[in-house]
Amino acid sequence: MGSLKGTAEIAIGKAKELVAEILGNGKLREESKLDQRKGEEEKEQSGGLKPLGNLDRLT
């Protein structure tokens, strides 16, 4: 579940970044960067999305 939440945070951050760029809003840009970092951390903590499990360890 954490990976999905992290991906959502990253997407929200990207959307805010785009709006901030259009509006020229520096505060919103900083908020977008924080959301993206929060999403990356969430994905790292959850171990990321691995639909095939631990197959990478078999090689």
N, C-alpha and C. Protein backbone atom coordinates (compact mmCIF):
# COMPACT_ATOMS: atom_id res chain seq x y z
N MET A 1 0.82 -1.19 0.00
CA MET A 1 0.00 0.00 0.00
C MET A 1 0.86 1.25 0.00
N GLY A 2 1.99 1.20 0.68
CA GLY A 2 2.87 2.36 0.76
C GLY A 2 3.40 2.79 -0.58
N SER A 3 3.65 1.83 -1.44
CA SER A 3 4.17 2.15 -2.76
C SER A 3 3.15 2.93 -3.57
N LEU A 4 1.90 2.54 -3.46
CA LEU A 4 0.84 3.25 -4.18
C LEU A 4 0.69 4.66 -3.64
N LYS A 5 0.75 4.81 -2.33
CA LYS A 5 0.67 6.13 -1.71
C LYS A 5 1.85 6.99 -2.13
N GLY A 6 3.03 6.40 -2.18
CA GLY A 6 4.22 7.13 -2.61
C GLY A 6 4.10 7.59 -4.05
N THR A 7 3.60 6.73 -4.90
CA THR A 7 3.41 7.09 -6.31
C THR A 7 2.40 8.22 -6.44
N ALA A 8 1.35 8.17 -5.62
CA ALA A 8 0.35 9.24 -5.65
C ALA A 8 0.96 10.56 -5.20
N GLU A 9 1.78 10.53 -4.15
CA GLU A 9 2.45 11.74 -3.67
C GLU A 9 3.34 12.35 -4.75
N ILE A 10 4.04 11.49 -5.47
CA ILE A 10 4.91 11.97 -6.54
C ILE A 10 4.09 12.62 -7.64
N ALA A 11 2.98 11.99 -8.01
CA ALA A 11 2.10 12.54 -9.06
C ALA A 11 1.51 13.88 -8.62
N ILE A 12 1.10 13.98 -7.38
CA ILE A 12 0.57 15.24 -6.86
C ILE A 12 1.65 16.32 -6.90
N GLY A 13 2.85 15.95 -6.51
CA GLY A 13 3.96 16.89 -6.54
C GLY A 13 4.26 17.38 -7.95
N LYS A 14 4.22 16.47 -8.92
CA LYS A 14 4.47 16.84 -10.31
C LYS A 14 3.39 17.79 -10.82
N ALA A 15 2.13 17.52 -10.45
CA ALA A 15 1.02 18.39 -10.88
C ALA A 15 1.18 19.78 -10.27
N LYS A 16 1.53 19.84 -8.98
CA LYS A 16 1.75 21.13 -8.33
C LYS A 16 2.91 21.87 -8.97
N GLU A 17 3.94 21.13 -9.35
CA GLU A 17 5.10 21.74 -9.98
C GLU A 17 4.71 22.40 -11.30
N LEU A 18 3.89 21.73 -12.07
CA LEU A 18 3.42 22.27 -13.35
C LEU A 18 2.59 23.54 -13.14
N VAL A 19 1.67 23.50 -12.18
CA VAL A 19 0.84 24.67 -11.89
C VAL A 19 1.72 25.82 -11.39
N ALA A 20 2.68 25.51 -10.54
CA ALA A 20 3.58 26.54 -10.02
C ALA A 20 4.38 27.18 -11.15
N GLU A 21 4.80 26.38 -12.10
CA GLU A 21 5.55 26.89 -13.25
C GLU A 21 4.68 27.84 -14.07
N ILE A 22 3.44 27.46 -14.31
CA ILE A 22 2.52 28.28 -15.10
C ILE A 22 2.22 29.61 -14.37
N LEU A 23 1.98 29.51 -13.06
CA LEU A 23 1.61 30.70 -12.28
C LEU A 23 2.81 31.51 -11.80
N GLY A 24 3.99 30.91 -11.85
CA GLY A 24 5.17 31.58 -11.33
C GLY A 24 5.15 31.69 -9.82
N ASN A 25 4.62 30.68 -9.17
CA ASN A 25 4.45 30.66 -7.72
C ASN A 25 5.58 29.85 -7.08
N GLY A 26 6.52 30.56 -6.46
CA GLY A 26 7.67 29.90 -5.84
C GLY A 26 7.32 29.05 -4.64
N LYS A 27 6.35 29.51 -3.85
CA LYS A 27 5.94 28.75 -2.66
C LYS A 27 5.33 27.41 -3.07
N LEU A 28 4.48 27.44 -4.09
CA LEU A 28 3.87 26.21 -4.57
C LEU A 28 4.92 25.27 -5.16
N ARG A 29 5.93 25.83 -5.81
CA ARG A 29 7.01 25.02 -6.36
C ARG A 29 7.75 24.28 -5.25
N GLU A 30 8.05 24.98 -4.15
CA GLU A 30 8.72 24.34 -3.02
C GLU A 30 7.85 23.24 -2.42
N GLU A 31 6.55 23.51 -2.32
CA GLU A 31 5.62 22.51 -1.80
C GLU A 31 5.60 21.28 -2.70
N SER A 32 5.68 21.49 -4.01
CA SER A 32 5.68 20.37 -4.94
C SER A 32 6.92 19.51 -4.77
N LYS A 33 8.05 20.14 -4.54
CA LYS A 33 9.29 19.39 -4.33
C LYS A 33 9.20 18.56 -3.04
N LEU A 34 8.60 19.13 -2.00
CA LEU A 34 8.43 18.40 -0.75
C LEU A 34 7.52 17.18 -0.96
N ASP A 35 6.43 17.37 -1.71
CA ASP A 35 5.52 16.25 -1.98
C ASP A 35 6.25 15.14 -2.74
N GLN A 36 7.07 15.51 -3.71
CA GLN A 36 7.79 14.52 -4.49
C GLN A 36 8.80 13.77 -3.62
N ARG A 37 9.51 14.50 -2.76
CA ARG A 37 10.47 13.84 -1.85
C ARG A 37 9.74 12.91 -0.89
N LYS A 38 8.60 13.36 -0.38
CA LYS A 38 7.80 12.54 0.53
C LYS A 38 7.36 11.24 -0.17
N GLY A 39 6.97 11.36 -1.43
CA GLY A 39 6.56 10.19 -2.20
C GLY A 39 7.71 9.22 -2.43
N GLU A 40 8.88 9.76 -2.73
CA GLU A 40 10.06 8.90 -2.93
C GLU A 40 10.41 8.16 -1.64
N GLU A 41 10.35 8.87 -0.52
CA GLU A 41 10.64 8.23 0.77
C GLU A 41 9.61 7.14 1.08
N GLU A 42 8.36 7.42 0.78
CA GLU A 42 7.30 6.44 1.03
C GLU A 42 7.54 5.17 0.19
N LYS A 43 7.93 5.36 -1.06
CA LYS A 43 8.20 4.21 -1.94
C LYS A 43 9.39 3.41 -1.43
N GLU A 44 10.43 4.11 -0.96
CA GLU A 44 11.62 3.41 -0.43
C GLU A 44 11.27 2.59 0.80
N GLN A 45 10.46 3.16 1.68
CA GLN A 45 10.09 2.46 2.91
C GLN A 45 9.24 1.23 2.63
N SER A 46 8.43 1.30 1.58
CA SER A 46 7.56 0.16 1.28
C SER A 46 8.29 -0.91 0.49
N GLY A 47 9.48 -0.62 0.04
CA GLY A 47 10.23 -1.59 -0.74
C GLY A 47 9.96 -1.51 -2.22
N GLY A 48 9.13 -0.60 -2.65
CA GLY A 48 8.82 -0.43 -4.07
C GLY A 48 7.86 -1.49 -4.56
N LEU A 49 7.35 -1.29 -5.74
CA LEU A 49 6.41 -2.21 -6.35
C LEU A 49 7.17 -3.33 -7.02
N LYS A 50 6.93 -4.57 -6.60
CA LYS A 50 7.60 -5.73 -7.16
C LYS A 50 6.55 -6.76 -7.56
N PRO A 51 6.02 -6.64 -8.75
CA PRO A 51 4.97 -7.58 -9.15
C PRO A 51 5.46 -9.02 -9.27
N LEU A 52 6.74 -9.21 -9.47
CA LEU A 52 7.28 -10.56 -9.61
C LEU A 52 8.00 -11.02 -8.34
N GLY A 53 7.78 -10.31 -7.26
CA GLY A 53 8.38 -10.72 -6.01
C GLY A 53 9.88 -10.51 -5.98
N ASN A 54 10.62 -11.49 -5.54
CA ASN A 54 12.06 -11.39 -5.40
C ASN A 54 12.82 -12.11 -6.50
N LEU A 55 12.28 -12.16 -7.69
CA LEU A 55 12.95 -12.85 -8.78
C LEU A 55 14.31 -12.25 -9.12
N ASP A 56 14.51 -10.97 -8.82
CA ASP A 56 15.79 -10.35 -9.11
C ASP A 56 16.92 -10.96 -8.26
N ARG A 57 16.59 -11.52 -7.14
CA ARG A 57 17.60 -12.14 -6.28
C ARG A 57 18.03 -13.53 -6.75
N LEU A 58 17.29 -14.11 -7.65
CA LEU A 58 17.60 -15.46 -8.13
C LEU A 58 18.75 -15.48 -9.12
N THR A 59 19.06 -14.36 -9.71
CA THR A 59 20.13 -14.34 -10.73
C THR A 59 21.45 -13.97 -10.15
